[in-house]
N, C-alpha and C. Protein backbone atom coordinates (compact mmCIF):
# COMPACT_ATOMS: atom_id res chain seq x y z
N UNK A 1 24.47 50.88 -39.61
CA UNK A 1 25.67 50.68 -38.50
C UNK A 1 26.28 52.08 -38.28
N UNK A 2 25.95 53.14 -39.00
CA UNK A 2 26.71 54.21 -38.73
C UNK A 2 26.00 54.93 -37.45
N UNK A 3 24.81 54.60 -37.13
CA UNK A 3 24.00 55.06 -36.08
C UNK A 3 24.61 54.24 -34.79
N UNK A 4 25.05 53.03 -34.93
CA UNK A 4 25.46 52.29 -33.71
C UNK A 4 26.86 53.03 -33.49
N UNK A 5 27.49 53.39 -34.41
CA UNK A 5 28.92 54.00 -34.04
C UNK A 5 28.61 55.58 -33.44
N UNK A 6 27.68 56.07 -33.97
CA UNK A 6 27.49 57.41 -33.27
C UNK A 6 26.83 57.34 -31.82
N UNK A 7 26.13 56.23 -31.44
CA UNK A 7 25.58 56.02 -29.99
C UNK A 7 26.60 55.50 -29.25
N UNK A 8 27.60 54.87 -29.84
CA UNK A 8 28.73 54.32 -29.06
C UNK A 8 29.55 55.57 -28.56
N UNK A 9 29.89 56.42 -29.62
CA UNK A 9 30.73 57.59 -29.33
C UNK A 9 30.08 58.49 -28.49
N UNK A 10 28.84 58.52 -28.49
CA UNK A 10 27.99 59.55 -27.45
C UNK A 10 28.38 58.84 -26.24
N UNK A 11 28.04 57.58 -26.08
CA UNK A 11 28.09 57.03 -24.71
C UNK A 11 29.66 57.10 -24.24
N UNK A 12 30.47 56.94 -24.85
CA UNK A 12 31.96 56.96 -24.59
C UNK A 12 32.11 58.44 -23.83
N UNK A 13 31.83 59.32 -24.66
CA UNK A 13 32.04 60.88 -24.16
C UNK A 13 31.13 60.89 -22.92
N UNK A 14 30.00 60.42 -22.61
CA UNK A 14 29.29 60.61 -21.47
C UNK A 14 30.03 59.92 -20.37
N UNK A 15 30.29 58.64 -20.51
CA UNK A 15 31.03 57.85 -19.44
C UNK A 15 32.22 58.63 -19.09
N UNK A 16 32.94 59.09 -19.98
CA UNK A 16 34.40 59.86 -19.68
C UNK A 16 34.03 61.07 -18.67
N UNK A 17 32.90 61.79 -19.20
CA UNK A 17 32.42 62.92 -18.45
C UNK A 17 31.97 62.70 -17.07
N UNK A 18 31.32 61.68 -16.89
CA UNK A 18 30.92 61.13 -15.46
C UNK A 18 32.05 60.74 -14.57
N UNK A 19 33.12 60.14 -15.28
CA UNK A 19 34.29 59.76 -14.23
C UNK A 19 35.04 60.98 -14.06
N UNK A 20 34.92 62.18 -14.58
CA UNK A 20 35.57 63.30 -14.28
C UNK A 20 35.25 63.78 -12.79
N UNK A 21 33.99 63.46 -12.52
CA UNK A 21 33.53 63.86 -10.99
C UNK A 21 33.07 62.92 -10.14
N UNK A 22 32.75 61.66 -10.70
CA UNK A 22 32.32 60.65 -9.70
C UNK A 22 33.37 60.14 -8.81
N UNK A 23 33.14 60.06 -7.46
CA UNK A 23 34.01 59.77 -6.49
C UNK A 23 33.56 58.36 -5.83
N UNK A 24 32.39 57.90 -6.01
CA UNK A 24 32.10 56.70 -5.31
C UNK A 24 32.54 55.40 -6.04
N UNK A 25 33.51 54.75 -5.43
CA UNK A 25 34.31 53.81 -5.82
C UNK A 25 33.31 52.65 -6.75
N UNK A 26 32.22 52.36 -6.07
CA UNK A 26 31.14 51.29 -6.94
C UNK A 26 30.69 51.83 -8.05
N UNK A 27 30.26 53.27 -7.89
CA UNK A 27 29.83 53.76 -9.19
C UNK A 27 30.80 54.14 -10.50
N UNK A 28 32.02 54.35 -9.91
CA UNK A 28 33.26 54.51 -10.78
C UNK A 28 33.63 53.09 -11.59
N UNK A 29 33.32 52.21 -10.78
CA UNK A 29 33.87 50.63 -11.51
C UNK A 29 32.69 50.51 -12.50
N UNK A 30 31.31 50.65 -12.04
CA UNK A 30 30.35 50.43 -13.15
C UNK A 30 30.49 51.25 -14.26
N UNK A 31 30.75 52.77 -14.18
CA UNK A 31 31.02 53.45 -15.37
C UNK A 31 32.15 52.96 -16.16
N UNK A 32 33.26 52.63 -15.45
CA UNK A 32 34.60 52.14 -16.22
C UNK A 32 34.23 50.93 -16.98
N UNK A 33 33.36 49.90 -16.43
CA UNK A 33 33.06 48.86 -17.32
C UNK A 33 32.07 49.13 -18.48
N UNK A 34 31.21 50.12 -18.23
CA UNK A 34 30.26 50.41 -19.37
C UNK A 34 31.21 51.06 -20.44
N UNK A 35 32.11 51.90 -19.85
CA UNK A 35 33.15 52.53 -20.88
C UNK A 35 33.79 51.54 -21.69
N UNK A 36 34.51 50.59 -21.03
CA UNK A 36 35.19 49.65 -21.88
C UNK A 36 34.22 48.62 -22.84
N UNK A 37 33.13 48.50 -22.41
CA UNK A 37 32.27 47.93 -23.26
C UNK A 37 31.85 48.63 -24.60
N UNK A 38 31.82 49.89 -24.28
CA UNK A 38 31.37 50.77 -25.54
C UNK A 38 32.66 50.85 -26.43
N UNK A 39 33.81 50.97 -25.90
CA UNK A 39 35.08 51.05 -26.62
C UNK A 39 35.18 49.85 -27.56
N UNK A 40 34.91 48.61 -26.76
CA UNK A 40 35.13 47.33 -27.34
C UNK A 40 34.26 47.16 -28.52
N UNK A 41 32.90 47.72 -28.50
CA UNK A 41 32.02 47.69 -29.72
C UNK A 41 32.74 48.60 -30.79
N UNK A 42 33.41 49.65 -30.60
CA UNK A 42 34.12 50.33 -31.71
C UNK A 42 35.27 49.58 -32.17
N UNK A 43 35.87 48.75 -31.37
CA UNK A 43 37.10 48.00 -31.90
C UNK A 43 36.74 46.65 -32.52
N UNK A 44 35.53 46.42 -32.58
CA UNK A 44 35.12 45.10 -33.14
C UNK A 44 35.06 45.41 -34.78
N UNK A 45 35.74 44.61 -35.61
CA UNK A 45 35.56 44.67 -37.14
C UNK A 45 34.22 44.66 -37.58
N UNK A 46 33.80 45.47 -38.50
CA UNK A 46 32.54 45.49 -39.02
C UNK A 46 32.23 44.26 -40.11
N UNK A 47 31.28 43.44 -39.90
CA UNK A 47 31.01 42.46 -41.17
C UNK A 47 30.66 43.11 -42.46
N UNK A 48 31.24 42.72 -43.42
CA UNK A 48 30.87 43.26 -44.84
C UNK A 48 29.94 42.54 -45.34
N UNK A 49 28.90 43.17 -46.00
CA UNK A 49 28.02 42.36 -46.67
C UNK A 49 28.65 41.61 -47.84
N UNK A 50 28.04 40.55 -48.12
CA UNK A 50 28.58 39.75 -49.30
C UNK A 50 28.51 40.54 -50.72
N UNK A 51 29.54 40.31 -51.29
CA UNK A 51 29.79 40.85 -52.78
C UNK A 51 28.62 40.14 -53.62
N UNK A 52 28.38 40.84 -54.65
CA UNK A 52 27.40 40.42 -55.74
C UNK A 52 28.33 39.65 -56.46
N UNK A 53 28.08 38.24 -56.60
CA UNK A 53 28.93 37.46 -57.46
C UNK A 53 28.49 37.18 -58.97
N UNK A 54 27.51 37.84 -59.59
CA UNK A 54 27.09 37.88 -60.64
C UNK A 54 27.85 38.86 -61.70
N UNK A 55 28.71 39.75 -61.18
CA UNK A 55 29.42 40.58 -62.02
C UNK A 55 30.52 39.97 -62.78
């Protein structure tokens, strides 16, 4: 799961950088949607594995 967070963090940084210079409205809309999707991934609570009940 740590790799998923790292990939999402890298994607977020990349999309934010693209938004700094992109002027085409359609491309900006797509980048903003992708950015929101990556941010949503990080906001989702992580499922915890079941605890060992034999203890």
